[in-house]
Each structure stands twice: as C-alpha cells, then as structure tokens.
C-alpha cells in the first residue's frame, strides 16, 4: 500500500465532501487487492457521478500511477440533475485530485456530460481499454441507473468490478429497482458483497472470479459461510450475513449500529404515566395555592 493511499484512507478522504464509509473503504481495498495480486487484473478506473471526487480518488490510488482515470459528471449542468442526487463541482474535484494524488495530467479524462450520452464503446475508447473498477453514483432515477448499469457492465473487463452506490437505500428506491430489473437480463455480471451503502458486482462469465472474491471477503473478516454472526473478525464492530441475491450467495457487511446491536443501559424503574400525571397535577396545584 502506497504512502498516499494510507494517508487518504486514514484521514485524507475526510477532507473531501461526499459520502464514503469505513466499511465501503475496507471492501474496495480488499477486492482491488485480490483483483490485482491474485487474479492479475489491472487497468483503468472510472466513475459516473464523481461529486467532489471522494470515492474516485480512492479508486485511482488503488491502481498503478499510469492507469487511466475516467470522471463523468454533470458538473455545471445541474439543471439536468432532476433528482438532486449530488452536486458535482469540477474545480473542487480537480483541486482534491491534485491535493491527494498529484497534478492532473494525460492520465485523467474529465468530462462534463450527462451519463445518458455515454456508451460502453465510448468509455473503452476514452480510457484506452476496459475499466477494472467502475463506480456508478450518478442520477438515481430508475431509467438513469438502468442506463449506467448497462454502460458499466458492458464496458468492464472480465474480472472487473462494478460498484453501485445507494443500493437498498430507503431514500433512493429506484436504484434498487433498476438493479433488480437489470441483473436478470445479464448473467455475466454477478453480485459479490454489499456494505457501506454500496453493492459490489463482478463481470464474470465463468463464475470463478466471483468465488475467489467472495472467499477473500469471508476470510478477511474471519466469517464462516454457514454462520450468521461474526467469528474472530480482525475488525471490531463488523457483522456478516450470507444471503442469496439472484441465485448467488453474497456477503452483506454491517456495523453494530446498522443492525441495532448496542449496549443496553442499566435497567431503570419503569415509567408510570399515571404517577407522572399526579406529580404534574400536584406541582400545578402547589404553584397556584402557595
């Protein structure tokens, strides 16, 4: 792990506006490591809907310094942001990239564009190859997410990972609806795991990439595929569920707060509403007649 990546994970990303949890960071760092060192998959990274760059900077730091980085966002065309999901700012994005990675050069492809204008062919042409990490965090309407999923899943390399933001988020139900519409039509893209508000999928017509990635997640956290609760996890406050999604087991990672595992307070005397009303009445009476 490079010094720049360590700094960004430990504190740097907190200085960039956006939404990125520790769980999501852990998962993408782990998956990218397996992708590169066990599966020998390397290449460009990209994101639709970069906002100020918080997640894309992490993806870029996970790859070699000469790997292409693609960024597509509405930026100043916020009148097309019909669902108000994010607010991209090109100047801030470029400033954050320069601060946490280095000066912008020919490695970066930054375009102000509506993602509905993108195609898989255009993505591959602009990045000089198929991306290996593709984040989707643009418009959150069903039609836009469906389109972005199609572009991402048709452009990524075999063994490439697609990251869908806000899957199962109660505020953005159309993201989940779009995924559940798309996946049954594309059996080459398989779910791996979810956590930190993101769902991770892999382009894997032969299935063996997915199995390696799922096994790596379970192994890293010390989880047993047959058991629901945590076992000797190297990370505190991590809980695992292995659940089925479209016929495949996926690892779902949660924190204690997310599943309501909290320390219970010491037992207190049960509240007595009748007693409280009597006390209130007595206080009012005393204030009136004394």
Protein backbone atom coordinates (compact mmCIF):
# COMPACT_ATOMS: atom_id res chain seq x y z
CA UNK A 1 0.00 0.00 0.00
CA UNK A 2 1.46 3.34 -1.04
CA UNK A 3 2.01 6.16 1.43
CA UNK A 4 -0.53 8.29 -0.49
CA UNK A 5 -3.16 5.57 -0.21
CA UNK A 6 -2.51 5.08 3.51
CA UNK A 7 -2.85 8.81 4.17
CA UNK A 8 -6.03 9.04 2.15
CA UNK A 9 -7.65 6.11 3.94
CA UNK A 10 -6.59 7.20 7.40
CA UNK A 11 -7.65 10.83 7.21
CA UNK A 12 -7.42 12.36 3.74
CA UNK A 13 -10.85 11.33 2.46
CA UNK A 14 -12.48 13.12 5.39
CA UNK A 15 -11.33 16.42 3.87
CA UNK A 16 -13.28 15.74 0.64
CA UNK A 17 -17.00 16.40 0.62
CA UNK A 18 -19.09 13.35 -0.19
CA UNK A 19 -20.31 10.05 1.21
CA UNK A 20 -17.87 7.24 1.97
CA UNK A 21 -17.99 4.87 4.93
CA UNK A 22 -15.18 2.87 6.54
CA UNK A 23 -16.93 -0.37 5.53
CA UNK A 24 -17.03 0.65 1.87
CA UNK A 25 -13.33 1.59 2.01
CA UNK A 26 -12.41 -1.76 3.56
CA UNK A 27 -14.32 -3.70 0.93
CA UNK A 28 -13.00 -1.93 -2.15
CA UNK A 29 -9.39 -2.01 -0.86
CA UNK A 30 -9.72 -5.75 -0.22
CA UNK A 31 -11.40 -6.51 -3.56
CA UNK A 32 -8.89 -4.44 -5.52
CA UNK A 33 -6.02 -6.23 -3.77
CA UNK A 34 -7.41 -9.65 -4.70
CA UNK A 35 -8.16 -8.44 -8.22
CA UNK A 36 -4.58 -7.28 -8.75
CA UNK A 37 -2.47 -9.76 -6.77
CA UNK A 38 -4.46 -12.99 -7.06
CA UNK A 39 -6.28 -12.56 -10.37
CA UNK A 40 -3.67 -10.37 -12.16
CA UNK A 41 -6.29 -7.87 -13.35
CA UNK A 42 -5.11 -4.30 -13.90
CA UNK A 43 -6.44 -1.34 -15.85
CA UNK A 44 -8.36 1.93 -15.84
CA UNK A 45 -10.80 3.06 -13.17
CA UNK A 46 -13.76 5.37 -13.59
CA UNK A 47 -16.91 6.81 -12.06
CA UNK A 48 -20.20 8.25 -13.22
CA UNK A 49 -21.20 11.00 -10.79
CA UNK A 50 -17.95 12.00 -9.09
CA UNK A 51 -19.35 14.86 -6.94
CA UNK A 52 -16.08 16.22 -5.46
CA UNK A 53 -14.05 13.05 -6.02
CA UNK A 54 -14.09 11.36 -2.63
CA UNK A 55 -14.54 7.80 -3.94
CA UNK A 56 -12.85 8.16 -7.33
CA UNK A 57 -9.65 9.42 -5.71
CA UNK A 58 -9.59 6.20 -3.68
CA UNK A 59 -10.09 4.10 -6.82
CA UNK A 60 -7.28 5.96 -8.58
CA UNK A 61 -4.90 5.45 -5.65
CA UNK A 62 -5.62 1.72 -5.74
CA UNK A 63 -4.21 1.42 -9.28
CA UNK A 64 -0.81 1.98 -10.82
CA UNK A 65 0.17 5.60 -11.39
CA UNK A 66 -0.12 5.26 -15.14
CA UNK A 67 -3.64 3.75 -15.10
CA UNK A 68 -6.27 5.90 -16.78
CA UNK A 69 -8.88 7.58 -14.59
CA UNK A 70 -12.28 8.49 -16.05
CA UNK A 71 -14.66 11.01 -14.47
CA UNK A 72 -18.08 11.81 -15.92
CA UNK A 73 -20.39 14.26 -14.18
CA UNK A 74 -22.95 16.94 -14.95
CA UNK A 75 -20.78 19.44 -13.07
CA UNK A 76 -22.17 22.88 -14.06
CA UNK A 77 -25.21 21.39 -15.83
CA UNK A 78 -27.11 20.93 -12.57
CA UNK A 79 -30.39 21.81 -14.28
CA UNK A 80 -30.25 18.22 -15.60
CA UNK A 81 -29.85 16.81 -12.08
CA UNK A 82 -33.57 16.07 -11.82
CA UNK A 83 -33.42 14.06 -8.59
CA UNK A 84 -30.85 16.30 -6.85
CA UNK A 85 -28.57 13.32 -6.12
CA UNK A 86 -25.25 15.02 -5.50
CA UNK A 87 -23.80 18.26 -6.83
CA UNK A 88 -20.64 17.84 -8.88
CA UNK A 89 -18.09 20.64 -8.91
CA UNK A 90 -15.26 20.30 -11.42
CA UNK A 91 -12.99 22.90 -9.81
CA UNK A 92 -13.26 21.25 -6.40
CA UNK A 93 -12.83 17.80 -7.92
CA UNK A 94 -9.63 18.80 -9.69
CA UNK A 95 -8.34 20.56 -6.57
CA UNK A 96 -8.95 17.43 -4.48
CA UNK A 97 -7.21 15.19 -7.03
CA UNK A 98 -4.19 17.49 -7.09
CA UNK A 99 -4.07 17.57 -3.30
CA UNK A 100 -4.33 13.84 -2.66
CA UNK A 101 -2.72 12.31 -5.78
CA UNK A 102 -0.76 14.95 -7.67
CA UNK A 103 -1.01 17.31 -10.64
CA UNK A 104 -3.56 16.41 -13.29
CA UNK A 105 -2.03 15.05 -16.47
CA UNK A 106 -2.94 12.94 -19.50
CA UNK A 107 -3.86 10.09 -17.15
CA UNK A 108 -7.14 11.83 -16.32
CA UNK A 109 -10.21 12.00 -18.52
CA UNK A 110 -12.66 14.50 -17.01
CA UNK A 111 -15.85 15.28 -18.90
CA UNK A 112 -18.89 17.40 -18.18
CA UNK A 113 -21.57 15.20 -19.65
CA UNK A 114 -24.94 13.63 -18.98
CA UNK A 115 -24.28 9.91 -18.50
CA UNK A 116 -27.20 9.14 -20.83
CA UNK A 117 -24.85 10.20 -23.64
CA UNK A 118 -22.28 7.55 -22.68
CA UNK A 119 -21.95 4.15 -24.30
CA UNK A 120 -19.74 1.20 -23.41
CA UNK A 121 -17.81 1.71 -26.65
CA UNK A 122 -17.19 5.37 -25.83
CA UNK A 123 -15.97 4.50 -22.33
CA UNK A 124 -13.47 1.92 -23.60
CA UNK A 125 -12.25 4.25 -26.35
CA UNK A 126 -11.73 7.18 -24.00
CA UNK A 127 -9.94 5.06 -21.38
CA UNK A 128 -7.83 3.18 -23.95
CA UNK A 129 -9.14 -0.11 -22.62
CA UNK A 130 -11.74 -1.76 -20.45
CA UNK A 131 -12.01 -0.43 -16.88
CA UNK A 132 -11.41 -2.79 -13.97
CA UNK A 133 -13.18 -0.64 -11.35
CA UNK A 134 -16.34 1.22 -12.38
CA UNK A 135 -18.36 3.21 -9.82
CA UNK A 136 -21.95 4.23 -10.51
CA UNK A 137 -23.15 7.19 -8.46
CA UNK A 138 -24.90 9.45 -10.96
CA UNK A 139 -28.61 10.05 -11.34
CA UNK A 140 -30.77 7.94 -9.02
CA UNK A 141 -33.89 7.54 -11.15
CA UNK A 142 -34.63 4.06 -12.48
CA UNK A 143 -34.07 4.96 -16.13
CA UNK A 144 -30.71 6.61 -15.47
CA UNK A 145 -29.44 3.84 -13.19
CA UNK A 146 -30.51 1.21 -15.73
CA UNK A 147 -28.59 3.02 -18.45
CA UNK A 148 -25.50 3.49 -16.27
CA UNK A 149 -25.55 -0.17 -15.24
CA UNK A 150 -25.67 -1.23 -18.87
CA UNK A 151 -22.76 1.04 -19.78
CA UNK A 152 -20.67 -0.14 -16.83
CA UNK A 153 -21.41 -3.84 -17.17
CA UNK A 154 -20.80 -3.87 -20.92
CA UNK A 155 -17.55 -1.92 -20.67
CA UNK A 156 -15.72 -3.51 -17.70
CA UNK A 157 -13.07 -6.13 -18.25
CA UNK A 158 -13.60 -9.76 -17.35
CA UNK A 159 -12.99 -9.79 -13.60
CA UNK A 160 -13.77 -6.07 -13.46
CA UNK A 161 -15.79 -4.78 -10.52
CA UNK A 162 -18.85 -2.55 -10.78
CA UNK A 163 -19.78 -0.60 -7.64
CA UNK A 164 -23.36 0.60 -7.33
CA UNK A 165 -23.97 3.31 -4.76
CA UNK A 166 -27.12 3.57 -2.60
CA UNK A 167 -28.35 0.03 -3.22
CA UNK A 168 -31.23 -0.67 -0.78
CA UNK A 169 -31.17 2.96 0.39
CA UNK A 170 -34.68 3.93 1.57
CA UNK A 171 -34.37 7.43 0.12
CA UNK A 172 -33.44 6.12 -3.34
CA UNK A 173 -35.66 3.07 -4.02
CA UNK A 174 -35.31 3.39 -7.80
CA UNK A 175 -31.62 2.44 -7.57
CA UNK A 176 -32.60 -0.94 -6.14
CA UNK A 177 -35.47 -1.30 -8.60
CA UNK A 178 -33.11 -0.64 -11.50
CA UNK A 179 -30.63 -3.27 -10.35
CA UNK A 180 -33.38 -5.85 -9.89
CA UNK A 181 -34.57 -5.08 -13.41
CA UNK A 182 -31.11 -5.25 -14.98
CA UNK A 183 -29.39 -8.25 -13.36
CA UNK A 184 -31.81 -10.95 -14.56
CA UNK A 185 -31.04 -9.83 -18.13
CA UNK A 186 -27.25 -10.07 -17.82
CA UNK A 187 -25.96 -13.35 -16.42
CA UNK A 188 -22.34 -12.31 -16.97
CA UNK A 189 -22.48 -9.87 -14.04
CA UNK A 190 -22.70 -11.40 -10.57
CA UNK A 191 -23.04 -9.90 -7.06
CA UNK A 192 -20.16 -10.28 -4.61
CA UNK A 193 -20.97 -8.35 -1.46
CA UNK A 194 -22.52 -5.21 -0.04
CA UNK A 195 -21.60 -2.82 2.73
CA UNK A 196 -21.28 0.84 3.50
CA UNK A 197 -24.16 1.69 1.16
CA UNK A 198 -22.54 0.09 -1.88
CA UNK A 199 -23.16 -3.14 -3.79
CA UNK A 200 -20.16 -4.76 -5.48
CA UNK A 201 -20.61 -6.81 -8.68
CA UNK A 202 -18.12 -8.63 -10.88
CA UNK A 203 -18.06 -9.26 -14.61
CA UNK A 204 -17.59 -12.99 -14.53
CA UNK A 205 -18.99 -15.23 -17.27
CA UNK A 206 -17.07 -18.20 -15.82
CA UNK A 207 -18.03 -17.61 -12.14
CA UNK A 208 -14.56 -18.39 -10.74
CA UNK A 209 -13.66 -14.70 -10.23
CA UNK A 210 -16.74 -14.22 -8.05
CA UNK A 211 -15.95 -17.25 -5.91
CA UNK A 212 -12.41 -16.03 -5.27
CA UNK A 213 -13.61 -12.56 -4.31
CA UNK A 214 -16.38 -13.83 -2.00
CA UNK A 215 -13.95 -16.21 -0.30
CA UNK A 216 -11.48 -13.36 0.22
CA UNK A 217 -14.11 -11.21 1.97
CA UNK A 218 -15.16 -14.07 4.26
CA UNK A 219 -11.54 -14.93 5.00
CA UNK A 220 -10.51 -11.35 5.71
CA UNK A 221 -13.21 -10.82 8.32
CA UNK A 222 -12.97 -14.31 9.79
CA UNK A 223 -16.53 -15.20 8.90
CA UNK A 224 -17.94 -18.64 8.36
CA UNK A 225 -20.21 -19.03 5.34
CA UNK A 226 -22.59 -21.27 7.32
CA UNK A 227 -22.98 -18.94 10.30
CA UNK A 228 -24.69 -15.60 10.59
CA UNK A 229 -22.75 -13.99 13.41
CA UNK A 230 -19.19 -12.72 13.47
CA UNK A 231 -16.32 -15.10 14.29
CA UNK A 232 -12.93 -13.79 15.38
CA UNK A 233 -13.11 -10.87 12.98
CA UNK A 234 -9.91 -8.89 12.62
CA UNK A 235 -12.12 -5.80 12.51
CA UNK A 236 -14.15 -4.79 15.56
CA UNK A 237 -17.79 -3.89 15.09
CA UNK A 238 -18.33 -5.90 11.90
CA UNK A 239 -21.21 -8.32 11.43
CA UNK A 240 -21.84 -10.56 8.47
CA UNK A 241 -24.80 -12.16 6.77
CA UNK A 242 -24.54 -14.51 3.83
CA UNK A 243 -27.72 -14.06 1.80
CA UNK A 244 -28.94 -15.02 -1.63
CA UNK A 245 -29.34 -12.47 -4.40
CA UNK A 246 -30.45 -13.70 -7.82
CA UNK A 247 -29.36 -17.24 -7.07
CA UNK A 248 -25.91 -16.35 -5.67
CA UNK A 249 -24.73 -16.10 -2.08
CA UNK A 250 -23.45 -12.62 -1.30
CA UNK A 251 -21.71 -11.29 1.78
CA UNK A 252 -23.54 -8.43 3.49
CA UNK A 253 -21.44 -6.46 5.95
CA UNK A 254 -22.94 -4.35 8.73
CA UNK A 255 -21.85 -2.34 11.72
CA UNK A 256 -23.44 -2.79 15.13
CA UNK A 257 -25.31 0.48 14.74
CA UNK A 258 -26.86 -0.65 11.47
CA UNK A 259 -28.31 -3.85 12.93
CA UNK A 260 -29.20 -2.44 16.33
CA UNK A 261 -26.55 -4.24 18.34
CA UNK A 262 -25.98 -1.71 21.08
CA UNK A 263 -25.08 -1.86 24.72
CA UNK A 264 -28.24 -1.85 26.76
CA UNK A 265 -28.47 0.75 29.53
CA UNK A 266 -28.84 -0.32 33.12
CA UNK A 267 -32.44 -1.21 33.99
CA UNK A 268 -34.40 1.75 35.24
CA UNK A 269 -37.60 1.95 37.21
CA UNK A 270 -40.49 1.53 34.78
CA UNK A 271 -42.13 4.80 33.85
CA UNK A 272 -45.55 5.18 35.38
CA UNK A 273 -47.64 7.59 33.30
CA UNK A 274 -50.35 7.83 35.98
CA UNK A 275 -47.78 8.67 38.63
CA UNK A 276 -46.22 11.28 36.38
CA UNK A 277 -49.58 12.93 35.77
CA UNK A 278 -50.26 13.00 39.53
CA UNK A 279 -46.88 14.63 40.13
CA UNK A 280 -47.59 17.20 37.43
CA UNK A 281 -51.01 17.97 38.89
CA UNK A 282 -49.54 18.35 42.37
CA UNK A 283 -46.89 20.75 41.06
CA UNK A 284 -49.53 22.90 39.31
CA UNK A 285 -51.73 22.91 42.42
CA UNK A 286 -48.85 23.86 44.69
CA UNK A 287 -47.83 26.73 42.39
CA UNK A 288 -51.38 28.09 42.32
CA UNK A 289 -52.17 27.95 46.00
CA UNK A 290 -48.86 28.72 47.65
